[in-house]
């Protein structure tokens, strides 16, 4: 019997036990990253009604304002963690970021004023933004080229577990939103696992050793080189634009699934309390399931057809599906049926960031470049989020969300100018 060729073997055939362990640890950190972001989205109405007992319009405005603060905090943390991870190693920075978002999430339990919420959401986001960039770089560096897209896609797809955990926590605590933030302390136990199990990637260690002995060493984690040297600067800014499209549409479009369902139920004479609970389930469980399938699908599709075609098709389909979801359903079950498709295409592209961004940059700039793309995109997404909040308060929510979905077309244009990385070794 002939031995199967290397190309005919499944992608996971040569993946080692340690590589699986790295994927599990990175994914666990990312699950709680997402939990920290989603738990606010799910509990914000109860939280803000307690802290700002005024008109609903004010609650909506403050909700988008605090989401903008979260995006800004993620940018600060991500950019800082990225350059530090390239300079000092992936493991210590991963530990620091997990500790940050765990502690400040737990402290949200005690928030009673608007400024408490603002400060704590910023500090939680610093840890969240930093952890993703380090973990994405770590997974890309540890896995072989044949398995990289699938492994990175799985890593990002585990975010759906964070969304489900947040949804279940939100449903469990009801109006007692404070207790949902105590769950955010749990990832602190990951620190022990990271410290005892994760080793620095050989690629990074070789660069670190070379920097010590070379007469003209490459500067690890240099923003100057990233932003001024070709081709890295072009890739960094275009990648930032691509991430801004995904992050802006996530907070302006994807998370609107909950509000679309709640408003439909209110139009159908469901009580506000009942509408809120059913909308949490529809968004946090049903739509999230579709989003999770989209995230898991992106890696295999990108490995088969290429990164660029997969990004482009997902974004074009998102533009098409959003107005259908907004205007076609007239009943709870009709919208519930469509929400998984809504999640599949609007959320699925996010797995592509974990796959694609680390492939654009050399080892000594990988975490810095990956972080700049993803977290720099948060900065650009902030005005999108603020504009989305204003637009939603001025016109019908369904029309506002449909208009905001046109931003996906910007992502299509950006992908036309970026390189294809399918089947290539990571840049050195």
Protein backbone atom coordinates (compact mmCIF):
# COMPACT_ATOMS: atom_id res chain seq x y z
CA UNK A 1 0.00 0.00 0.00
CA UNK A 2 1.45 3.34 -1.03
CA UNK A 3 2.05 6.05 1.51
CA UNK A 4 -0.23 9.01 0.79
CA UNK A 5 1.53 12.07 -0.55
CA UNK A 6 2.00 15.09 1.64
CA UNK A 7 -0.58 17.06 -0.32
CA UNK A 8 -3.30 14.41 0.05
CA UNK A 9 -3.04 14.17 3.81
CA UNK A 10 -5.59 16.08 5.93
CA UNK A 11 -4.35 19.40 7.27
CA UNK A 12 -4.21 18.11 10.84
CA UNK A 13 -2.15 15.00 9.99
CA UNK A 14 1.22 16.33 11.14
CA UNK A 15 0.01 18.66 13.90
CA UNK A 16 1.81 17.84 17.15
CA UNK A 17 0.39 17.59 20.65
CA UNK A 18 2.14 20.81 21.65
CA UNK A 19 0.68 22.67 18.67
CA UNK A 20 -2.81 21.55 19.69
CA UNK A 21 -2.07 22.70 23.25
CA UNK A 22 -1.07 26.16 22.02
CA UNK A 23 -4.30 26.37 20.00
CA UNK A 24 -6.38 25.37 23.04
CA UNK A 25 -4.70 27.90 25.34
CA UNK A 26 -4.86 30.74 22.79
CA UNK A 27 -8.51 29.93 22.12
CA UNK A 28 -9.39 29.88 25.82
CA UNK A 29 -7.95 33.35 26.21
CA UNK A 30 -9.88 34.56 23.18
CA UNK A 31 -13.15 33.04 24.45
CA UNK A 32 -12.97 35.23 27.53
CA UNK A 33 -11.80 38.18 25.45
CA UNK A 34 -15.07 38.00 23.58
CA UNK A 35 -17.05 37.40 26.75
CA UNK A 36 -15.74 40.69 28.16
CA UNK A 37 -16.94 42.59 25.09
CA UNK A 38 -20.25 40.81 24.62
CA UNK A 39 -21.37 40.84 28.25
CA UNK A 40 -21.66 44.61 28.09
CA UNK A 41 -23.65 44.45 24.87
CA UNK A 42 -26.05 41.95 26.45
CA UNK A 43 -26.40 43.65 29.87
CA UNK A 44 -26.01 47.30 28.89
CA UNK A 45 -29.73 48.13 28.88
CA UNK A 46 -30.17 46.91 32.47
CA UNK A 47 -26.86 48.48 33.57
CA UNK A 48 -27.54 51.86 32.03
CA UNK A 49 -31.17 51.98 33.12
CA UNK A 50 -29.89 51.54 36.68
CA UNK A 51 -27.13 54.12 36.35
CA UNK A 52 -28.91 56.52 33.95
CA UNK A 53 -32.63 56.23 34.78
CA UNK A 54 -33.69 58.57 31.97
CA UNK A 55 -35.16 58.30 28.49
CA UNK A 56 -34.40 55.25 26.35
CA UNK A 57 -32.66 57.46 23.78
CA UNK A 58 -30.06 58.39 26.42
CA UNK A 59 -29.51 54.74 27.21
CA UNK A 60 -28.89 54.01 23.52
CA UNK A 61 -26.47 56.94 23.22
CA UNK A 62 -24.49 55.95 26.31
CA UNK A 63 -24.42 52.35 25.12
CA UNK A 64 -22.72 53.33 21.87
CA UNK A 65 -20.49 55.81 23.72
CA UNK A 66 -19.15 53.09 26.02
CA UNK A 67 -18.67 50.74 23.08
CA UNK A 68 -16.57 53.48 21.46
CA UNK A 69 -14.50 53.70 24.66
CA UNK A 70 -14.06 49.92 24.52
CA UNK A 71 -12.79 50.11 20.96
CA UNK A 72 -10.34 52.86 21.89
CA UNK A 73 -9.07 50.92 24.90
CA UNK A 74 -8.59 47.85 22.74
CA UNK A 75 -6.50 49.93 20.36
CA UNK A 76 -4.22 51.23 23.11
CA UNK A 77 -3.77 47.78 24.65
CA UNK A 78 -3.33 46.03 21.34
CA UNK A 79 -0.69 48.38 19.98
CA UNK A 80 1.24 48.29 23.26
CA UNK A 81 1.01 44.50 23.62
CA UNK A 82 1.97 43.90 20.00
CA UNK A 83 5.26 45.77 20.15
CA UNK A 84 6.08 44.38 23.61
CA UNK A 85 5.39 40.82 22.42
CA UNK A 86 7.82 41.27 19.53
CA UNK A 87 10.44 42.69 21.88
CA UNK A 88 10.09 40.53 24.99
CA UNK A 89 8.21 37.42 23.89
CA UNK A 90 4.69 36.13 23.39
CA UNK A 91 4.26 34.37 26.73
CA UNK A 92 4.82 37.20 29.29
CA UNK A 93 2.64 39.65 27.37
CA UNK A 94 -0.16 37.10 27.05
CA UNK A 95 -0.07 36.64 30.82
CA UNK A 96 -0.20 40.40 31.44
CA UNK A 97 -3.14 40.97 29.10
CA UNK A 98 -5.21 38.11 30.56
CA UNK A 99 -4.60 39.41 34.07
CA UNK A 100 -5.67 42.93 33.04
CA UNK A 101 -9.03 42.06 31.54
CA UNK A 102 -9.85 39.55 34.30
CA UNK A 103 -9.29 41.96 37.18
CA UNK A 104 -11.03 44.98 35.67
CA UNK A 105 -14.01 42.92 34.54
CA UNK A 106 -14.51 41.71 38.10
CA UNK A 107 -14.31 45.27 39.41
CA UNK A 108 -17.25 46.24 37.15
CA UNK A 109 -19.42 44.47 39.76
CA UNK A 110 -18.97 47.57 41.93
CA UNK A 111 -19.71 50.19 39.22
CA UNK A 112 -22.36 52.71 40.30
CA UNK A 113 -21.46 55.82 38.28
CA UNK A 114 -20.99 56.56 34.60
CA UNK A 115 -17.32 57.34 35.05
CA UNK A 116 -16.83 53.96 36.77
CA UNK A 117 -18.20 52.23 33.69
CA UNK A 118 -16.10 54.36 31.34
CA UNK A 119 -12.80 53.73 33.15
CA UNK A 120 -13.38 50.01 33.66
CA UNK A 121 -14.53 49.38 30.10
CA UNK A 122 -11.38 51.13 28.86
CA UNK A 123 -9.09 49.04 31.10
CA UNK A 124 -10.84 45.77 30.26
CA UNK A 125 -10.41 46.61 26.57
CA UNK A 126 -6.68 47.25 27.05
CA UNK A 127 -6.28 43.62 28.08
CA UNK A 128 -8.70 42.28 25.46
CA UNK A 129 -7.05 44.08 22.55
CA UNK A 130 -3.60 43.00 23.63
CA UNK A 131 -4.39 39.31 24.12
CA UNK A 132 -5.82 38.78 20.64
CA UNK A 133 -2.78 40.13 18.80
CA UNK A 134 -0.34 38.03 20.80
CA UNK A 135 -2.42 34.85 20.57
CA UNK A 136 -3.03 35.20 16.82
CA UNK A 137 0.70 35.65 16.18
CA UNK A 138 1.53 32.69 18.42
CA UNK A 139 -0.83 30.32 16.62
CA UNK A 140 0.42 31.40 13.18
CA UNK A 141 4.06 30.89 14.19
CA UNK A 142 3.59 27.51 15.84
CA UNK A 143 1.50 25.77 13.14
CA UNK A 144 2.93 24.55 9.80
CA UNK A 145 1.86 26.33 6.58
CA UNK A 146 -0.59 23.61 5.54
CA UNK A 147 -2.48 23.83 8.85
CA UNK A 148 -2.12 27.56 9.50
CA UNK A 149 -5.38 28.81 7.97
CA UNK A 150 -7.48 26.11 9.60
CA UNK A 151 -5.83 26.49 13.01
CA UNK A 152 -6.06 30.28 12.97
CA UNK A 153 -9.65 30.05 11.81
CA UNK A 154 -10.50 27.68 14.66
CA UNK A 155 -8.75 30.02 17.10
CA UNK A 156 -10.91 32.97 16.08
CA UNK A 157 -14.07 30.86 15.71
CA UNK A 158 -13.95 29.93 19.40
CA UNK A 159 -15.13 33.49 19.99
CA UNK A 160 -18.62 32.09 19.57
CA UNK A 161 -18.18 30.25 22.87
CA UNK A 162 -17.52 33.61 24.51
CA UNK A 163 -20.70 35.00 22.98
CA UNK A 164 -22.73 32.01 24.17
CA UNK A 165 -21.22 32.25 27.64
CA UNK A 166 -22.13 35.94 27.78
CA UNK A 167 -25.66 35.22 26.53
CA UNK A 168 -26.19 32.49 29.11
CA UNK A 169 -24.79 34.69 31.86
CA UNK A 170 -27.04 37.54 30.77
CA UNK A 171 -30.10 35.29 30.76
CA UNK A 172 -29.15 33.83 34.15
CA UNK A 173 -28.64 37.12 35.98
CA UNK A 174 -31.56 38.98 34.37
CA UNK A 175 -31.73 42.49 35.80
CA UNK A 176 -28.92 41.74 38.29
CA UNK A 177 -26.29 42.60 35.70
CA UNK A 178 -23.46 43.02 38.22
CA UNK A 179 -23.05 39.28 38.72
CA UNK A 180 -22.35 38.67 35.04
CA UNK A 181 -19.10 40.61 35.38
CA UNK A 182 -17.84 38.38 38.18
CA UNK A 183 -17.61 35.56 35.63
CA UNK A 184 -14.96 37.66 33.90
CA UNK A 185 -12.54 36.90 36.73
CA UNK A 186 -12.33 33.22 35.72
CA UNK A 187 -9.72 33.58 32.94
CA UNK A 188 -7.16 34.59 35.56
CA UNK A 189 -6.64 30.85 36.14
CA UNK A 190 -5.34 30.61 32.54
CA UNK A 191 -2.22 32.45 33.65
CA UNK A 192 -0.92 29.38 35.46
CA UNK A 193 -1.49 27.24 32.36
CA UNK A 194 0.20 29.73 30.04
CA UNK A 195 3.19 30.08 32.33
CA UNK A 196 3.72 26.34 32.67
CA UNK A 197 2.91 25.16 29.12
CA UNK A 198 3.66 27.81 26.48
CA UNK A 199 7.15 28.18 25.01
CA UNK A 200 8.36 31.03 22.85
CA UNK A 201 8.10 30.15 19.12
CA UNK A 202 11.38 29.08 17.53
CA UNK A 203 11.01 31.78 14.87
CA UNK A 204 10.85 34.54 17.46
CA UNK A 205 13.62 33.05 19.60
CA UNK A 206 15.95 32.91 16.59
CA UNK A 207 15.23 36.58 15.83
CA UNK A 208 15.83 37.50 19.46
CA UNK A 209 19.17 35.64 19.54
CA UNK A 210 20.23 37.16 16.23
CA UNK A 211 19.47 40.65 17.53
CA UNK A 212 21.91 40.08 20.39
CA UNK A 213 24.83 38.99 18.18
CA UNK A 214 24.33 40.90 14.93
CA UNK A 215 26.23 44.12 14.29
CA UNK A 216 23.14 45.47 12.47
CA UNK A 217 20.23 43.73 14.15
CA UNK A 218 16.62 44.08 13.07
CA UNK A 219 14.79 46.08 15.70
CA UNK A 220 12.10 43.91 17.22
CA UNK A 221 8.64 45.47 17.41
CA UNK A 222 9.63 48.71 15.68
CA UNK A 223 6.69 50.92 14.73
CA UNK A 224 9.09 53.05 12.72
CA UNK A 225 10.02 50.15 10.46
CA UNK A 226 6.43 48.90 10.29
CA UNK A 227 5.03 52.26 9.21
CA UNK A 228 7.87 53.56 7.05
CA UNK A 229 9.48 50.51 5.39
CA UNK A 230 8.06 48.97 2.23
CA UNK A 231 6.08 46.73 1.82
CA UNK A 232 5.14 46.54 5.49
CA UNK A 233 3.74 50.06 5.73
CA UNK A 234 1.31 49.56 2.84
CA UNK A 235 0.16 46.24 4.27
CA UNK A 236 -0.24 47.73 7.73
CA UNK A 237 -2.47 50.60 6.65
CA UNK A 238 -4.54 48.53 4.23
CA UNK A 239 -4.94 45.82 6.87
CA UNK A 240 -6.05 48.47 9.34
CA UNK A 241 -8.70 49.61 6.87
CA UNK A 242 -9.90 46.05 6.37
CA UNK A 243 -10.20 45.52 10.12
CA UNK A 244 -11.99 48.86 10.51
CA UNK A 245 -14.68 47.64 8.12
CA UNK A 246 -15.15 44.43 10.09
CA UNK A 247 -15.06 46.03 13.53
CA UNK A 248 -17.21 49.00 12.54
CA UNK A 249 -19.85 46.74 10.98
CA UNK A 250 -19.67 44.34 13.91
CA UNK A 251 -20.69 46.95 16.46
CA UNK A 252 -22.95 48.90 14.08
CA UNK A 253 -24.56 45.99 12.18
CA UNK A 254 -23.93 42.53 13.64
CA UNK A 255 -24.84 43.31 17.25
CA UNK A 256 -27.99 45.04 15.99
CA UNK A 257 -29.53 41.60 15.60
CA UNK A 258 -30.60 41.85 19.23
CA UNK A 259 -32.22 45.27 18.75
CA UNK A 260 -33.89 44.22 15.48
CA UNK A 261 -35.53 41.29 17.26
CA UNK A 262 -36.51 43.36 20.29
CA UNK A 263 -38.16 46.06 18.15
CA UNK A 264 -39.99 43.47 16.05
CA UNK A 265 -41.39 41.87 19.21
CA UNK A 266 -42.44 45.26 20.59
CA UNK A 267 -44.25 45.99 17.31
CA UNK A 268 -46.05 42.67 17.82
CA UNK A 269 -47.22 43.76 21.29
CA UNK A 270 -44.81 41.65 23.35
CA UNK A 271 -44.04 43.16 26.76
CA UNK A 272 -40.72 45.03 27.08
CA UNK A 273 -39.42 42.46 29.59
CA UNK A 274 -40.39 39.52 27.40
CA UNK A 275 -38.99 41.19 24.29
CA UNK A 276 -35.67 41.84 26.03
CA UNK A 277 -35.27 38.20 27.12
CA UNK A 278 -36.31 36.73 23.76
CA UNK A 279 -34.00 39.15 21.93
CA UNK A 280 -31.06 38.06 24.11
CA UNK A 281 -31.70 34.43 23.16
CA UNK A 282 -32.17 35.22 19.46
CA UNK A 283 -28.95 37.23 19.28
CA UNK A 284 -26.73 35.46 21.80
CA UNK A 285 -27.62 31.87 20.91
CA UNK A 286 -29.30 31.60 17.49
CA UNK A 287 -27.54 34.38 15.56
CA UNK A 288 -24.29 33.52 17.32
CA UNK A 289 -24.59 29.90 16.14
CA UNK A 290 -24.73 31.10 12.53
CA UNK A 291 -21.81 33.40 13.19
CA UNK A 292 -19.82 30.54 14.68
CA UNK A 293 -20.41 28.39 11.61
CA UNK A 294 -19.27 31.31 9.46
CA UNK A 295 -16.09 31.69 11.50
CA UNK A 296 -15.34 27.96 11.29
CA UNK A 297 -16.03 27.94 7.56
CA UNK A 298 -13.72 30.83 6.73
CA UNK A 299 -10.49 28.90 7.40
CA UNK A 300 -11.21 25.89 5.14
CA UNK A 301 -12.59 28.16 2.42
CA UNK A 302 -9.52 30.43 2.61
CA UNK A 303 -7.23 27.39 2.47
CA UNK A 304 -9.04 26.05 -0.62
CA UNK A 305 -9.85 29.19 -2.61
CA UNK A 306 -7.45 31.77 -1.20
CA UNK A 307 -7.68 34.57 1.34
CA UNK A 308 -8.73 37.31 -1.08
CA UNK A 309 -11.67 35.55 -2.78
CA UNK A 310 -13.03 34.38 0.58
CA UNK A 311 -12.94 37.86 2.08
CA UNK A 312 -14.57 39.37 -1.00
CA UNK A 313 -17.43 36.85 -1.24
CA UNK A 314 -18.25 37.03 2.47
CA UNK A 315 -18.46 40.82 2.35
CA UNK A 316 -20.60 40.90 -0.79
CA UNK A 317 -22.99 38.37 0.74
CA UNK A 318 -23.16 40.49 3.91
CA UNK A 319 -24.27 43.50 1.87
CA UNK A 320 -27.00 41.35 0.31
CA UNK A 321 -28.30 39.60 3.44
CA UNK A 322 -28.57 42.58 5.80
CA UNK A 323 -31.53 44.41 4.16
CA UNK A 324 -33.31 41.06 3.76
CA UNK A 325 -33.02 40.43 7.50
CA UNK A 326 -34.04 43.99 8.32
CA UNK A 327 -37.18 44.29 6.19
CA UNK A 328 -38.47 40.86 5.21
CA UNK A 329 -39.41 39.18 8.56
CA UNK A 330 -42.73 40.07 10.13
CA UNK A 331 -42.82 37.51 12.94
CA UNK A 332 -40.48 36.24 15.65
CA UNK A 333 -39.94 32.90 13.91
CA UNK A 334 -39.25 34.45 10.52
CA UNK A 335 -36.51 36.65 11.93
CA UNK A 336 -35.17 33.81 14.07
CA UNK A 337 -34.80 31.73 10.90
CA UNK A 338 -32.81 34.45 9.10
CA UNK A 339 -30.53 35.54 11.96
CA UNK A 340 -28.07 32.62 11.51
CA UNK A 341 -27.44 33.74 7.90
CA UNK A 342 -27.05 37.30 9.14
CA UNK A 343 -24.44 36.09 11.63
CA UNK A 344 -22.70 33.77 9.14
CA UNK A 345 -21.75 36.49 6.67
CA UNK A 346 -21.41 39.58 8.89
CA UNK A 347 -19.31 37.81 11.53
CA UNK A 348 -17.55 35.08 9.52
CA UNK A 349 -14.99 37.46 8.00
CA UNK A 350 -13.48 38.05 11.44
CA UNK A 351 -11.78 34.65 11.37
CA UNK A 352 -9.92 35.95 8.34
CA UNK A 353 -8.13 38.57 10.42
CA UNK A 354 -6.49 35.92 12.61
CA UNK A 355 -5.51 33.97 9.48
CA UNK A 356 -4.42 36.81 7.22
CA UNK A 357 -2.80 39.53 9.31
CA UNK A 358 0.05 37.40 10.77
CA UNK A 359 0.85 36.25 7.22
CA UNK A 360 1.51 39.82 6.07
CA UNK A 361 4.49 40.61 8.33
CA UNK A 362 7.96 39.24 9.18
CA UNK A 363 8.70 37.62 12.54
CA UNK A 364 10.30 40.67 14.15
CA UNK A 365 7.19 42.74 13.28
CA UNK A 366 4.48 40.07 13.30
CA UNK A 367 2.73 40.84 16.58
CA UNK A 368 3.24 44.57 16.05
CA UNK A 369 1.83 44.46 12.52
CA UNK A 370 -1.03 42.12 13.41
CA UNK A 371 -1.95 44.34 16.33
CA UNK A 372 -1.68 47.51 14.26
CA UNK A 373 -4.08 46.13 11.67
CA UNK A 374 -6.67 44.78 14.08
CA UNK A 375 -6.45 47.32 16.86
CA UNK A 376 -5.67 50.29 14.63
CA UNK A 377 -8.88 49.32 12.92
CA UNK A 378 -10.65 49.92 16.23
CA UNK A 379 -9.65 53.60 16.12
CA UNK A 380 -11.06 54.02 12.63
CA UNK A 381 -14.19 52.13 13.73
CA UNK A 382 -14.88 54.53 16.63
CA UNK A 383 -16.35 57.34 14.47
CA UNK A 384 -18.33 54.67 12.58
CA UNK A 385 -19.80 53.53 15.87
CA UNK A 386 -20.63 57.06 17.01
CA UNK A 387 -22.19 57.86 13.63
CA UNK A 388 -24.15 54.62 13.81
CA UNK A 389 -25.56 55.58 17.19
CA UNK A 390 -26.67 58.97 15.87
CA UNK A 391 -28.14 57.44 12.71
CA UNK A 392 -30.09 54.82 14.64
CA UNK A 393 -31.57 57.48 16.87
CA UNK A 394 -32.68 59.62 13.91
CA UNK A 395 -34.17 57.12 11.46
CA UNK A 396 -35.80 53.67 11.50
CA UNK A 397 -33.40 51.06 12.89
CA UNK A 398 -33.92 48.74 9.92
CA UNK A 399 -32.99 51.42 7.40
CA UNK A 400 -30.02 52.56 9.50
CA UNK A 401 -28.58 49.03 9.75
CA UNK A 402 -29.08 48.45 6.00
CA UNK A 403 -27.23 51.66 5.16
CA UNK A 404 -24.40 50.85 7.54
CA UNK A 405 -23.97 47.45 5.86
CA UNK A 406 -22.77 49.26 2.72
CA UNK A 407 -19.44 49.64 4.56
CA UNK A 408 -18.68 46.04 3.58
CA UNK A 409 -18.17 47.32 0.02
CA UNK A 410 -15.20 49.33 1.28
CA UNK A 411 -13.70 46.06 2.52
CA UNK A 412 -14.15 44.53 -0.94
CA UNK A 413 -12.20 47.38 -2.53
CA UNK A 414 -9.40 47.13 0.04
CA UNK A 415 -8.94 43.41 -0.61
CA UNK A 416 -8.31 44.10 -4.29
CA UNK A 417 -5.03 45.84 -3.36
CA UNK A 418 -3.69 43.36 -0.79
CA UNK A 419 -1.53 40.29 -1.65
CA UNK A 420 -2.67 36.68 -1.68
CA UNK A 421 -0.84 34.61 0.97
CA UNK A 422 -2.32 31.17 0.38
CA UNK A 423 0.33 28.41 0.45
CA UNK A 424 3.20 30.78 1.29
CA UNK A 425 5.69 30.62 4.14
CA UNK A 426 5.48 33.37 6.76
CA UNK A 427 7.67 36.35 5.79
CA UNK A 428 11.07 36.54 7.45
